[in-house]
Amino acid sequence: MLELKQSQHGRGIFATRDIKKDELLEVSPVIIFPKEEFKYLEKTTLIDYVFWWGKDFDECALALGMGSLFNHSSQPNAIFKRKLKKRTINFYAYTDIEAGAEIRINYNGDPDDKTRLWFEEK
């Protein structure tokens, strides 16, 4: 259903078949970085691949599998939900997605959040 390949944004995740809205795309286990380690993490490339984590969003989590490789869009076709107890991030189709389309999420967490990110969106 998902394929990693080159996109205009570097590597990206693409649909290998048509996907229906609300369909589960990926369940990514996570590695959690406690807030005490954030000062070290932000000095590495990994900082570009983590999700805010925890009840108070004071930790970070690296999603394994394809989870940390979805590119950003302010008009996403997928969403993610943090599952704190299971220590996973689940990705779902936010819209119907055609085979061959890049699957993109809003890094702000809310598909309607248009807040600027720490980088310039292309």
PDB file of N, CA and C in Angstrom:
ATOM      1  N   MET A   1       0.814  -1.196   0.000  1.00  0.00           N
ATOM      2  CA  MET A   1       0.000   0.000   0.000  1.00  0.00           C
ATOM      3  C   MET A   1       0.854   1.256   0.000  1.00  0.00           C
ATOM      4  N   LEU A   2       2.031   1.211   0.684  1.00  0.00           N
ATOM      5  CA  LEU A   2       2.926   2.366   0.779  1.00  0.00           C
ATOM      6  C   LEU A   2       4.281   2.036   0.183  1.00  0.00           C
ATOM      7  N   GLU A   3       4.888   3.061  -0.397  1.00  0.00           N
ATOM      8  CA  GLU A   3       6.199   2.893  -1.018  1.00  0.00           C
ATOM      9  C   GLU A   3       7.031   4.142  -0.741  1.00  0.00           C
ATOM     10  N   LEU A   4       8.278   3.934  -0.369  1.00  0.00           N
ATOM     11  CA  LEU A   4       9.223   5.031  -0.163  1.00  0.00           C
ATOM     12  C   LEU A   4       9.959   5.271  -1.469  1.00  0.00           C
ATOM     13  N   LYS A   5       9.928   6.520  -1.960  1.00  0.00           N
ATOM     14  CA  LYS A   5      10.685   6.856  -3.166  1.00  0.00           C
ATOM     15  C   LYS A   5      10.979   8.348  -3.184  1.00  0.00           C
ATOM     16  N   GLN A   6      11.721   8.784  -4.168  1.00  0.00           N
ATOM     17  CA  GLN A   6      12.092  10.200  -4.284  1.00  0.00           C
ATOM     18  C   GLN A   6      10.867  11.041  -4.622  1.00  0.00           C
ATOM     19  N   SER A   7      10.812  12.221  -4.009  1.00  0.00           N
ATOM     20  CA  SER A   7       9.758  13.186  -4.307  1.00  0.00           C
ATOM     21  C   SER A   7      10.419  14.544  -4.501  1.00  0.00           C
ATOM     22  N   GLN A   8       9.635  15.559  -4.774  1.00  0.00           N
ATOM     23  CA  GLN A   8      10.200  16.905  -4.920  1.00  0.00           C
ATOM     24  C   GLN A   8      10.708  17.433  -3.590  1.00  0.00           C
ATOM     25  N   HIS A   9      10.395  16.750  -2.498  1.00  0.00           N
ATOM     26  CA  HIS A   9      10.817  17.167  -1.159  1.00  0.00           C
ATOM     27  C   HIS A   9      11.880  16.231  -0.589  1.00  0.00           C
ATOM     28  N   GLY A  10      12.577  15.497  -1.434  1.00  0.00           N
ATOM     29  CA  GLY A  10      13.534  14.485  -0.968  1.00  0.00           C
ATOM     30  C   GLY A  10      12.871  13.126  -1.059  1.00  0.00           C
ATOM     31  N   ARG A  11      12.984  12.343  -0.002  1.00  0.00           N
ATOM     32  CA  ARG A  11      12.269  11.071   0.020  1.00  0.00           C
ATOM     33  C   ARG A  11      10.848  11.314   0.501  1.00  0.00           C
ATOM     34  N   GLY A  12       9.933  10.491   0.031  1.00  0.00           N
ATOM     35  CA  GLY A  12       8.542  10.621   0.449  1.00  0.00           C
ATOM     36  C   GLY A  12       7.840   9.281   0.403  1.00  0.00           C
ATOM     37  N   ILE A  13       6.639   9.248   0.964  1.00  0.00           N
ATOM     38  CA  ILE A  13       5.823   8.045   1.008  1.00  0.00           C
ATOM     39  C   ILE A  13       4.707   8.193  -0.024  1.00  0.00           C
ATOM     40  N   PHE A  14       4.540   7.174  -0.854  1.00  0.00           N
ATOM     41  CA  PHE A  14       3.567   7.202  -1.939  1.00  0.00           C
ATOM     42  C   PHE A  14       2.614   6.012  -1.838  1.00  0.00           C
ATOM     43  N   ALA A  15       1.399   6.217  -2.328  1.00  0.00           N
ATOM     44  CA  ALA A  15       0.392   5.151  -2.354  1.00  0.00           C
ATOM     45  C   ALA A  15       0.661   4.231  -3.541  1.00  0.00           C
ATOM     46  N   THR A  16       0.638   2.930  -3.311  1.00  0.00           N
ATOM     47  CA  THR A  16       0.811   1.965  -4.403  1.00  0.00           C
ATOM     48  C   THR A  16      -0.532   1.486  -4.941  1.00  0.00           C
ATOM     49  N   ARG A  17      -1.615   1.896  -4.277  1.00  0.00           N
ATOM     50  CA  ARG A  17      -2.975   1.577  -4.725  1.00  0.00           C
ATOM     51  C   ARG A  17      -3.900   2.686  -4.243  1.00  0.00           C
ATOM     52  N   ASP A  18      -5.114   2.709  -4.751  1.00  0.00           N
ATOM     53  CA  ASP A  18      -6.096   3.676  -4.266  1.00  0.00           C
ATOM     54  C   ASP A  18      -6.392   3.389  -2.793  1.00  0.00           C
ATOM     55  N   ILE A  19      -6.496   4.452  -2.008  1.00  0.00           N
ATOM     56  CA  ILE A  19      -6.731   4.334  -0.568  1.00  0.00           C
ATOM     57  C   ILE A  19      -7.964   5.168  -0.225  1.00  0.00           C
ATOM     58  N   LYS A  20      -8.845   4.596   0.573  1.00  0.00           N
ATOM     59  CA  LYS A  20     -10.073   5.278   0.977  1.00  0.00           C
ATOM     60  C   LYS A  20      -9.853   6.134   2.223  1.00  0.00           C
ATOM     61  N   LYS A  21     -10.591   7.220   2.318  1.00  0.00           N
ATOM     62  CA  LYS A  21     -10.561   8.094   3.499  1.00  0.00           C
ATOM     63  C   LYS A  21     -10.754   7.251   4.762  1.00  0.00           C
ATOM     64  N   ASP A  22     -10.006   7.585   5.810  1.00  0.00           N
ATOM     65  CA  ASP A  22     -10.046   6.939   7.127  1.00  0.00           C
ATOM     66  C   ASP A  22      -9.345   5.582   7.174  1.00  0.00           C
ATOM     67  N   GLU A  23      -8.810   5.113   6.064  1.00  0.00           N
ATOM     68  CA  GLU A  23      -8.111   3.824   6.064  1.00  0.00           C
ATOM     69  C   GLU A  23      -6.793   3.949   6.830  1.00  0.00           C
ATOM     70  N   LEU A  24      -6.488   2.950   7.640  1.00  0.00           N
ATOM     71  CA  LEU A  24      -5.224   2.916   8.374  1.00  0.00           C
ATOM     72  C   LEU A  24      -4.083   2.691   7.390  1.00  0.00           C
ATOM     73  N   LEU A  25      -3.095   3.569   7.421  1.00  0.00           N
ATOM     74  CA  LEU A  25      -1.958   3.498   6.505  1.00  0.00           C
ATOM     75  C   LEU A  25      -0.739   2.833   7.126  1.00  0.00           C
ATOM     76  N   GLU A  26      -0.474   3.141   8.387  1.00  0.00           N
ATOM     77  CA  GLU A  26       0.770   2.706   9.023  1.00  0.00           C
ATOM     78  C   GLU A  26       0.605   2.782  10.535  1.00  0.00           C
ATOM     79  N   VAL A  27       1.132   1.787  11.228  1.00  0.00           N
ATOM     80  CA  VAL A  27       1.258   1.819  12.683  1.00  0.00           C
ATOM     81  C   VAL A  27       2.753   1.809  12.959  1.00  0.00           C
ATOM     82  N   SER A  28       3.257   2.916  13.470  1.00  0.00           N
ATOM     83  CA  SER A  28       4.695   3.064  13.700  1.00  0.00           C
ATOM     84  C   SER A  28       4.999   3.007  15.189  1.00  0.00           C
ATOM     85  N   PRO A  29       5.756   1.996  15.638  1.00  0.00           N
ATOM     86  CA  PRO A  29       6.236   2.044  17.015  1.00  0.00           C
ATOM     87  C   PRO A  29       7.184   3.229  17.152  1.00  0.00           C
ATOM     88  N   VAL A  30       7.319   3.748  18.368  1.00  0.00           N
ATOM     89  CA  VAL A  30       8.160   4.929  18.562  1.00  0.00           C
ATOM     90  C   VAL A  30       9.257   4.683  19.592  1.00  0.00           C
ATOM     91  N   ILE A  31      10.323   5.439  19.442  1.00  0.00           N
ATOM     92  CA  ILE A  31      11.368   5.539  20.458  1.00  0.00           C
ATOM     93  C   ILE A  31      11.177   6.902  21.101  1.00  0.00           C
ATOM     94  N   ILE A  32      10.987   6.911  22.407  1.00  0.00           N
ATOM     95  CA  ILE A  32      10.691   8.156  23.119  1.00  0.00           C
ATOM     96  C   ILE A  32      11.966   8.755  23.696  1.00  0.00           C
ATOM     97  N   PHE A  33      12.117  10.061  23.481  1.00  0.00           N
ATOM     98  CA  PHE A  33      13.230  10.825  24.035  1.00  0.00           C
ATOM     99  C   PHE A  33      12.674  11.703  25.150  1.00  0.00           C
ATOM    100  N   PRO A  34      13.085  11.482  26.403  1.00  0.00           N
ATOM    101  CA  PRO A  34      12.592  12.335  27.490  1.00  0.00           C
ATOM    102  C   PRO A  34      13.095  13.768  27.333  1.00  0.00           C
ATOM    103  N   LYS A  35      12.406  14.692  27.970  1.00  0.00           N
ATOM    104  CA  LYS A  35      12.738  16.112  27.814  1.00  0.00           C
ATOM    105  C   LYS A  35      14.171  16.428  28.205  1.00  0.00           C
ATOM    106  N   GLU A  36      14.747  15.647  29.117  1.00  0.00           N
ATOM    107  CA  GLU A  36      16.138  15.884  29.531  1.00  0.00           C
ATOM    108  C   GLU A  36      17.126  15.656  28.384  1.00  0.00           C
ATOM    109  N   GLU A  37      16.739  14.852  27.398  1.00  0.00           N
ATOM    110  CA  GLU A  37      17.624  14.543  26.272  1.00  0.00           C
ATOM    111  C   GLU A  37      17.403  15.453  25.068  1.00  0.00           C
ATOM    112  N   PHE A  38      16.381  16.310  25.123  1.00  0.00           N
ATOM    113  CA  PHE A  38      16.052  17.158  23.979  1.00  0.00           C
ATOM    114  C   PHE A  38      17.211  18.060  23.582  1.00  0.00           C
ATOM    115  N   LYS A  39      17.950  18.579  24.555  1.00  0.00           N
ATOM    116  CA  LYS A  39      19.064  19.486  24.246  1.00  0.00           C
ATOM    117  C   LYS A  39      20.127  18.800  23.400  1.00  0.00           C
ATOM    118  N   TYR A  40      20.248  17.489  23.518  1.00  0.00           N
ATOM    119  CA  TYR A  40      21.197  16.738  22.690  1.00  0.00           C
ATOM    120  C   TYR A  40      20.578  16.419  21.331  1.00  0.00           C
ATOM    121  N   LEU A  41      19.326  16.038  21.354  1.00  0.00           N
ATOM    122  CA  LEU A  41      18.617  15.662  20.138  1.00  0.00           C
ATOM    123  C   LEU A  41      18.546  16.816  19.148  1.00  0.00           C
ATOM    124  N   GLU A  42      18.320  18.035  19.640  1.00  0.00           N
ATOM    125  CA  GLU A  42      18.165  19.175  18.733  1.00  0.00           C
ATOM    126  C   GLU A  42      19.459  19.542  18.011  1.00  0.00           C
ATOM    127  N   LYS A  43      20.571  18.937  18.410  1.00  0.00           N
ATOM    128  CA  LYS A  43      21.852  19.173  17.735  1.00  0.00           C
ATOM    129  C   LYS A  43      22.137  18.118  16.669  1.00  0.00           C
ATOM    130  N   THR A  44      21.161  17.249  16.414  1.00  0.00           N
ATOM    131  CA  THR A  44      21.349  16.171  15.445  1.00  0.00           C
ATOM    132  C   THR A  44      20.325  16.276  14.318  1.00  0.00           C
ATOM    133  N   THR A  45      20.545  15.518  13.276  1.00  0.00           N
ATOM    134  CA  THR A  45      19.608  15.451  12.156  1.00  0.00           C
ATOM    135  C   THR A  45      18.274  14.851  12.580  1.00  0.00           C
ATOM    136  N   LEU A  46      18.278  14.030  13.615  1.00  0.00           N
ATOM    137  CA  LEU A  46      17.040  13.383  14.065  1.00  0.00           C
ATOM    138  C   LEU A  46      15.945  14.375  14.436  1.00  0.00           C
ATOM    139  N   ILE A  47      16.316  15.580  14.813  1.00  0.00           N
ATOM    140  CA  ILE A  47      15.321  16.563  15.235  1.00  0.00           C
ATOM    141  C   ILE A  47      14.300  16.842  14.128  1.00  0.00           C
ATOM    142  N   ASP A  48      14.694  16.652  12.867  1.00  0.00           N
ATOM    143  CA  ASP A  48      13.784  16.874  11.744  1.00  0.00           C
ATOM    144  C   ASP A  48      12.800  15.728  11.545  1.00  0.00           C
ATOM    145  N   TYR A  49      12.935  14.660  12.321  1.00  0.00           N
ATOM    146  CA  TYR A  49      12.121  13.463  12.112  1.00  0.00           C
ATOM    147  C   TYR A  49      11.284  13.074  13.323  1.00  0.00           C
ATOM    148  N   VAL A  50      11.287  13.869  14.368  1.00  0.00           N
ATOM    149  CA  VAL A  50      10.566  13.489  15.585  1.00  0.00           C
ATOM    150  C   VAL A  50       9.204  14.176  15.681  1.00  0.00           C
ATOM    151  N   PHE A  51       8.352  13.589  16.499  1.00  0.00           N
ATOM    152  CA  PHE A  51       7.029  14.112  16.811  1.00  0.00           C
ATOM    153  C   PHE A  51       7.022  14.518  18.276  1.00  0.00           C
ATOM    154  N   TRP A  52       6.297  15.580  18.608  1.00  0.00           N
ATOM    155  CA  TRP A  52       6.109  15.916  20.017  1.00  0.00           C
ATOM    156  C   TRP A  52       5.304  14.804  20.651  1.00  0.00           C
ATOM    157  N   TRP A  53       5.616  14.486  21.906  1.00  0.00           N
ATOM    158  CA  TRP A  53       5.045  13.309  22.558  1.00  0.00           C
ATOM    159  C   TRP A  53       4.696  13.620  24.005  1.00  0.00           C
ATOM    160  N   GLY A  54       3.813  12.813  24.578  1.00  0.00           N
ATOM    161  CA  GLY A  54       3.442  12.913  25.983  1.00  0.00           C
ATOM    162  C   GLY A  54       2.174  13.718  26.181  1.00  0.00           C
ATOM    163  N   LYS A  55       1.591  13.592  27.365  1.00  0.00           N
ATOM    164  CA  LYS A  55       0.355  14.328  27.684  1.00  0.00           C
ATOM    165  C   LYS A  55       0.543  15.822  27.519  1.00  0.00           C
ATOM    166  N   ASP A  56       1.713  16.311  27.902  1.00  0.00           N
ATOM    167  CA  ASP A  56       2.002  17.748  27.842  1.00  0.00           C
ATOM    168  C   ASP A  56       2.892  18.120  26.656  1.00  0.00           C
ATOM    169  N   PHE A  57       3.104  17.184  25.746  1.00  0.00           N
ATOM    170  CA  PHE A  57       3.971  17.399  24.580  1.00  0.00           C
ATOM    171  C   PHE A  57       5.347  17.905  24.994  1.00  0.00           C
ATOM    172  N   ASP A  58       5.873  17.357  26.075  1.00  0.00           N
ATOM    173  CA  ASP A  58       7.190  17.786  26.563  1.00  0.00           C
ATOM    174  C   ASP A  58       8.281  16.751  26.285  1.00  0.00           C
ATOM    175  N   GLU A  59       7.946  15.746  25.493  1.00  0.00           N
ATOM    176  CA  GLU A  59       8.917  14.743  25.059  1.00  0.00           C
ATOM    177  C   GLU A  59       8.862  14.662  23.540  1.00  0.00           C
ATOM    178  N   CYS A  60       9.789  13.926  22.971  1.00  0.00           N
ATOM    179  CA  CYS A  60       9.794  13.695  21.531  1.00  0.00           C
ATOM    180  C   CYS A  60       9.774  12.198  21.274  1.00  0.00           C
ATOM    181  N   ALA A  61       9.269  11.821  20.102  1.00  0.00           N
ATOM    182  CA  ALA A  61       9.253  10.414  19.722  1.00  0.00           C
ATOM    183  C   ALA A  61       9.695  10.288  18.271  1.00  0.00           C
ATOM    184  N   LEU A  62      10.553   9.326  18.026  1.00  0.00           N
ATOM    185  CA  LEU A  62      10.966   8.993  16.665  1.00  0.00           C
ATOM    186  C   LEU A  62      10.113   7.822  16.213  1.00  0.00           C
ATOM    187  N   ALA A  63       9.353   8.007  15.145  1.00  0.00           N
ATOM    188  CA  ALA A  63       8.505   6.941  14.612  1.00  0.00           C
ATOM    189  C   ALA A  63       9.352   6.018  13.746  1.00  0.00           C
ATOM    190  N   LEU A  64       9.275   4.739  14.026  1.00  0.00           N
ATOM    191  CA  LEU A  64      10.001   3.757  13.229  1.00  0.00           C
ATOM    192  C   LEU A  64       9.159   3.365  12.020  1.00  0.00           C
ATOM    193  N   GLY A  65       9.699   2.506  11.177  1.00  0.00           N
ATOM    194  CA  GLY A  65       9.006   2.177   9.937  1.00  0.00           C
ATOM    195  C   GLY A  65       9.006   3.398   9.036  1.00  0.00           C
ATOM    196  N   MET A  66       7.893   3.644   8.380  1.00  0.00           N
ATOM    197  CA  MET A  66       7.796   4.796   7.477  1.00  0.00           C
ATOM    198  C   MET A  66       7.303   6.056   8.180  1.00  0.00           C
ATOM    199  N   GLY A  67       6.954   5.954   9.444  1.00  0.00           N
ATOM    200  CA  GLY A  67       6.295   7.040  10.159  1.00  0.00           C
ATOM    201  C   GLY A  67       7.005   8.372  10.165  1.00  0.00           C
ATOM    202  N   SER A  68       8.319   8.379  10.247  1.00  0.00           N
ATOM    203  CA  SER A  68       9.047   9.652  10.295  1.00  0.00           C
ATOM    204  C   SER A  68       9.438  10.150   8.909  1.00  0.00           C
ATOM    205  N   LEU A  69       8.942   9.496   7.861  1.00  0.00           N
ATOM    206  CA  LEU A  69       9.333   9.869   6.502  1.00  0.00           C
ATOM    207  C   LEU A  69       8.205  10.502   5.684  1.00  0.00           C
ATOM    208  N   PHE A  70       7.038  10.689   6.300  1.00  0.00           N
ATOM    209  CA  PHE A  70       5.968  11.399   5.600  1.00  0.00           C
ATOM    210  C   PHE A  70       6.351  12.871   5.505  1.00  0.00           C
ATOM    211  N   ASN A  71       6.207  13.458   4.326  1.00  0.00           N
ATOM    212  CA  ASN A  71       6.485  14.881   4.152  1.00  0.00           C
ATOM    213  C   ASN A  71       5.292  15.715   4.621  1.00  0.00           C
ATOM    214  N   HIS A  72       5.551  17.010   4.819  1.00  0.00           N
ATOM    215  CA  HIS A  72       4.546  17.955   5.317  1.00  0.00           C
ATOM    216  C   HIS A  72       3.741  18.578   4.185  1.00  0.00           C
ATOM    217  N   SER A  73       2.492  18.873   4.498  1.00  0.00           N
ATOM    218  CA  SER A  73       1.666  19.712   3.639  1.00  0.00           C
ATOM    219  C   SER A  73       0.677  20.466   4.517  1.00  0.00           C
ATOM    220  N   SER A  74       0.411  21.719   4.167  1.00  0.00           N
ATOM    221  CA  SER A  74      -0.638  22.461   4.868  1.00  0.00           C
ATOM    222  C   SER A  74      -2.012  22.060   4.328  1.00  0.00           C
ATOM    223  N   GLN A  75      -2.019  21.220   3.295  1.00  0.00           N
ATOM    224  CA  GLN A  75      -3.247  20.621   2.761  1.00  0.00           C
ATOM    225  C   GLN A  75      -3.023  19.106   2.690  1.00  0.00           C
ATOM    226  N   PRO A  76      -2.947  18.450   3.851  1.00  0.00           N
ATOM    227  CA  PRO A  76      -2.564  17.041   3.892  1.00  0.00           C
ATOM    228  C   PRO A  76      -3.657  16.104   3.382  1.00  0.00           C
ATOM    229  N   ASN A  77      -3.225  14.920   2.958  1.00  0.00           N
ATOM    230  CA  ASN A  77      -4.188  13.875   2.612  1.00  0.00           C
ATOM    231  C   ASN A  77      -4.149  12.739   3.635  1.00  0.00           C
ATOM    232  N   ALA A  78      -3.354  12.914   4.699  1.00  0.00           N
ATOM    233  CA  ALA A  78      -3.275  11.930   5.779  1.00  0.00           C
ATOM    234  C   ALA A  78      -3.142  12.660   7.114  1.00  0.00           C
ATOM    235  N   ILE A  79      -3.498  11.966   8.179  1.00  0.00           N
ATOM    236  CA  ILE A  79      -3.369  12.499   9.537  1.00  0.00           C
ATOM    237  C   ILE A  79      -2.669  11.460  10.400  1.00  0.00           C
ATOM    238  N   PHE A  80      -2.229  11.892  11.569  1.00  0.00           N
ATOM    239  CA  PHE A  80      -1.632  10.943  12.509  1.00  0.00           C
ATOM    240  C   PHE A  80      -2.252  11.121  13.885  1.00  0.00           C
ATOM    241  N   LYS A  81      -2.272  10.017  14.617  1.00  0.00           N
ATOM    242  CA  LYS A  81      -2.783  10.021  15.989  1.00  0.00           C
ATOM    243  C   LYS A  81      -1.755   9.343  16.878  1.00  0.00           C
ATOM    244  N   ARG A  82      -1.391  10.031  17.937  1.00  0.00           N
ATOM    245  CA  ARG A  82      -0.444   9.480  18.904  1.00  0.00           C
ATOM    246  C   ARG A  82      -1.194   8.530  19.829  1.00  0.00           C
ATOM    247  N   LYS A  83      -0.665   7.332  20.016  1.00  0.00           N
ATOM    248  CA  LYS A  83      -1.232   6.347  20.935  1.00  0.00           C
ATOM    249  C   LYS A  83      -0.233   6.195  22.079  1.00  0.00           C
ATOM    250  N   LEU A  84      -0.405   7.026  23.117  1.00  0.00           N
ATOM    251  CA  LEU A  84       0.584   7.112  24.190  1.00  0.00           C
ATOM    252  C   LEU A  84       0.771   5.788  24.922  1.00  0.00           C
ATOM    253  N   LYS A  85      -0.311   5.107  25.260  1.00  0.00           N
ATOM    254  CA  LYS A  85      -0.189   3.852  26.006  1.00  0.00           C
ATOM    255  C   LYS A  85       0.461   2.752  25.178  1.00  0.00           C
ATOM    256  N   LYS A  86       0.130   2.693  23.903  1.00  0.00           N
ATOM    257  CA  LYS A  86       0.697   1.662  23.027  1.00  0.00           C
ATOM    258  C   LYS A  86       2.072   2.044  22.492  1.00  0.00           C
ATOM    259  N   ARG A  87       2.430   3.322  22.672  1.00  0.00           N
ATOM    260  CA  ARG A  87       3.696   3.846  22.156  1.00  0.00           C
ATOM    261  C   ARG A  87       3.808   3.643  20.639  1.00  0.00           C
ATOM    262  N   THR A  88       2.756   4.075  19.961  1.00  0.00           N
ATOM    263  CA  THR A  88       2.740   4.046  18.502  1.00  0.00           C
ATOM    264  C   THR A  88       2.174   5.365  17.989  1.00  0.00           C
ATOM    265  N   ILE A  89       2.452   5.642  16.732  1.00  0.00           N
ATOM    266  CA  ILE A  89       1.780   6.714  16.005  1.00  0.00           C
ATOM    267  C   ILE A  89       1.075   6.031  14.848  1.00  0.00           C
ATOM    268  N   ASN A  90      -0.238   6.234  14.768  1.00  0.00           N
ATOM    269  CA  ASN A  90      -1.028   5.623  13.713  1.00  0.00           C
ATOM    270  C   ASN A  90      -1.344   6.681  12.662  1.00  0.00           C
ATOM    271  N   PHE A  91      -1.180   6.318  11.416  1.00  0.00           N
ATOM    272  CA  PHE A  91      -1.408   7.226  10.291  1.00  0.00           C
ATOM    273  C   PHE A  91      -2.635   6.748   9.520  1.00  0.00           C
ATOM    274  N   TYR A  92      -3.513   7.702   9.179  1.00  0.00           N
ATOM    275  CA  TYR A  92      -4.764   7.395   8.499  1.00  0.00           C
ATOM    276  C   TYR A  92      -4.927   8.304   7.288  1.00  0.00           C
ATOM    277  N   ALA A  93      -5.650   7.810   6.278  1.00  0.00           N
ATOM    278  CA  ALA A  93      -5.992   8.650   5.132  1.00  0.00           C
ATOM    279  C   ALA A  93      -7.007   9.693   5.589  1.00  0.00           C
ATOM    280  N   TYR A  94      -6.721  10.948   5.339  1.00  0.00           N
ATOM    281  CA  TYR A  94      -7.616  12.058   5.678  1.00  0.00           C
ATOM    282  C   TYR A  94      -8.593  12.323   4.530  1.00  0.00           C
ATOM    283  N   THR A  95      -8.170  11.955   3.338  1.00  0.00           N
ATOM    284  CA  THR A  95      -8.988  12.054   2.130  1.00  0.00           C
ATOM    285  C   THR A  95      -8.800  10.756   1.352  1.00  0.00           C
ATOM    286  N   ASP A  96      -9.591  10.552   0.324  1.00  0.00           N
ATOM    287  CA  ASP A  96      -9.284   9.469  -0.608  1.00  0.00           C
ATOM    288  C   ASP A  96      -7.953   9.809  -1.265  1.00  0.00           C
ATOM    289  N   ILE A  97      -7.117   8.798  -1.473  1.00  0.00           N
ATOM    290  CA  ILE A  97      -5.787   9.009  -2.054  1.00  0.00           C
ATOM    291  C   ILE A  97      -5.649   8.090  -3.262  1.00  0.00           C
ATOM    292  N   GLU A  98      -5.281   8.657  -4.397  1.00  0.00           N
ATOM    293  CA  GLU A  98      -5.115   7.865  -5.612  1.00  0.00           C
ATOM    294  C   GLU A  98      -3.765   7.167  -5.628  1.00  0.00           C
ATOM    295  N   ALA A  99      -3.721   6.017  -6.271  1.00  0.00           N
ATOM    296  CA  ALA A  99      -2.461   5.297  -6.455  1.00  0.00           C
ATOM    297  C   ALA A  99      -1.454   6.230  -7.115  1.00  0.00           C
ATOM    298  N   GLY A 100      -0.227   6.231  -6.614  1.00  0.00           N
ATOM    299  CA  GLY A 100       0.832   7.071  -7.163  1.00  0.00           C
ATOM    300  C   GLY A 100       0.983   8.414  -6.481  1.00  0.00           C
ATOM    301  N   ALA A 101      -0.006   8.823  -5.688  1.00  0.00           N
ATOM    302  CA  ALA A 101       0.054  10.129  -5.015  1.00  0.00           C
ATOM    303  C   ALA A 101       0.977  10.068  -3.804  1.00  0.00           C
ATOM    304  N   GLU A 102       1.658  11.188  -3.545  1.00  0.00           N
ATOM    305  CA  GLU A 102       2.451  11.270  -2.327  1.00  0.00           C
ATOM    306  C   GLU A 102       1.510  11.463  -1.142  1.00  0.00           C
ATOM    307  N   ILE A 103       1.796  10.763  -0.060  1.00  0.00           N
ATOM    308  CA  ILE A 103       1.001  10.868   1.158  1.00  0.00           C
ATOM    309  C   ILE A 103       1.706  11.848   2.080  1.00  0.00           C
ATOM    310  N   ARG A 104       0.986  12.914   2.456  1.00  0.00           N
ATOM    311  CA  ARG A 104       1.600  13.986   3.251  1.00  0.00           C
ATOM    312  C   ARG A 104       0.725  14.313   4.451  1.00  0.00           C
ATOM    313  N   ILE A 105       1.375  14.674   5.549  1.00  0.00           N
ATOM    314  CA  ILE A 105       0.699  15.026   6.794  1.00  0.00           C
ATOM    315  C   ILE A 105       0.999  16.478   7.137  1.00  0.00           C
ATOM    316  N   ASN A 106       0.202  17.047   8.020  1.00  0.00           N
ATOM    317  CA  ASN A 106       0.493  18.381   8.541  1.00  0.00           C
ATOM    318  C   ASN A 106       1.324  18.194   9.801  1.00  0.00           C
ATOM    319  N   TYR A 107       2.549  18.669   9.795  1.00  0.00           N
ATOM    320  CA  TYR A 107       3.447  18.486  10.937  1.00  0.00           C
ATOM    321  C   TYR A 107       2.940  19.162  12.206  1.00  0.00           C
ATOM    322  N   ASN A 108       2.011  20.099  12.077  1.00  0.00           N
ATOM    323  CA  ASN A 108       1.447  20.743  13.264  1.00  0.00           C
ATOM    324  C   ASN A 108       0.493  19.823  14.022  1.00  0.00           C
ATOM    325  N   GLY A 109       0.123  18.696  13.422  1.00  0.00           N
ATOM    326  CA  GLY A 109      -0.747  17.735  14.089  1.00  0.00           C
ATOM    327  C   GLY A 109      -2.210  17.849  13.723  1.00  0.00           C
ATOM    328  N   ASP A 110      -2.672  19.043  13.450  1.00  0.00           N
ATOM    329  CA  ASP A 110      -4.064  19.285  13.068  1.00  0.00           C
ATOM    330  C   ASP A 110      -4.075  19.577  11.570  1.00  0.00           C
ATOM    331  N   PRO A 111      -4.859  18.831  10.790  1.00  0.00           N
ATOM    332  CA  PRO A 111      -4.836  19.048   9.338  1.00  0.00           C
ATOM    333  C   PRO A 111      -5.256  20.447   8.905  1.00  0.00           C
ATOM    334  N   ASP A 112      -5.973  21.163   9.770  1.00  0.00           N
ATOM    335  CA  ASP A 112      -6.417  22.520   9.434  1.00  0.00           C
ATOM    336  C   ASP A 112      -5.522  23.616  10.003  1.00  0.00           C
ATOM    337  N   ASP A 113      -4.477  23.243  10.718  1.00  0.00           N
ATOM    338  CA  ASP A 113      -3.567  24.215  11.342  1.00  0.00           C
ATOM    339  C   ASP A 113      -2.606  24.758  10.286  1.00  0.00           C
ATOM    340  N   LYS A 114      -2.685  26.051  10.036  1.00  0.00           N
ATOM    341  CA  LYS A 114      -1.839  26.688   9.016  1.00  0.00           C
ATOM    342  C   LYS A 114      -0.660  27.444   9.633  1.00  0.00           C
ATOM    343  N   THR A 115      -0.376  27.202  10.919  1.00  0.00           N
ATOM    344  CA  THR A 115       0.735  27.864  11.594  1.00  0.00           C
ATOM    345  C   THR A 115       2.038  27.561  10.858  1.00  0.00           C
ATOM    346  N   ARG A 116       2.870  28.583  10.705  1.00  0.00           N
ATOM    347  CA  ARG A 116       4.153  28.399  10.014  1.00  0.00           C
ATOM    348  C   ARG A 116       5.030  27.418  10.770  1.00  0.00           C
ATOM    349  N   LEU A 117       5.803  26.685  10.021  1.00  0.00           N
ATOM    350  CA  LEU A 117       6.727  25.712  10.592  1.00  0.00           C
ATOM    351  C   LEU A 117       8.109  26.323  10.744  1.00  0.00           C
ATOM    352  N   TRP A 118       9.049  25.533  11.220  1.00  0.00           N
ATOM    353  CA  TRP A 118      10.424  25.991  11.427  1.00  0.00           C
ATOM    354  C   TRP A 118      11.208  26.024  10.118  1.00  0.00           C
ATOM    355  N   PHE A 119      10.580  25.603   9.018  1.00  0.00           N
ATOM    356  CA  PHE A 119      11.216  25.669   7.707  1.00  0.00           C
ATOM    357  C   PHE A 119      10.201  26.216   6.716  1.00  0.00           C
ATOM    358  N   GLU A 120      10.689  26.651   5.569  1.00  0.00           N
ATOM    359  CA  GLU A 120       9.823  27.221   4.538  1.00  0.00           C
ATOM    360  C   GLU A 120       9.193  26.094   3.736  1.00  0.00           C
ATOM    361  N   GLU A 121       7.874  26.072   3.670  1.00  0.00           N
ATOM    362  CA  GLU A 121       7.166  25.040   2.919  1.00  0.00           C
ATOM    363  C   GLU A 121       7.323  25.285   1.426  1.00  0.00           C
ATOM    364  N   LYS A 122       7.604  24.212   0.684  1.00  0.00           N
ATOM    365  CA  LYS A 122       7.765  24.309  -0.778  1.00  0.00           C
ATOM    366  C   LYS A 122       6.462  24.012  -1.477  1.00  0.00           C
TER     367      LYS A 122
END
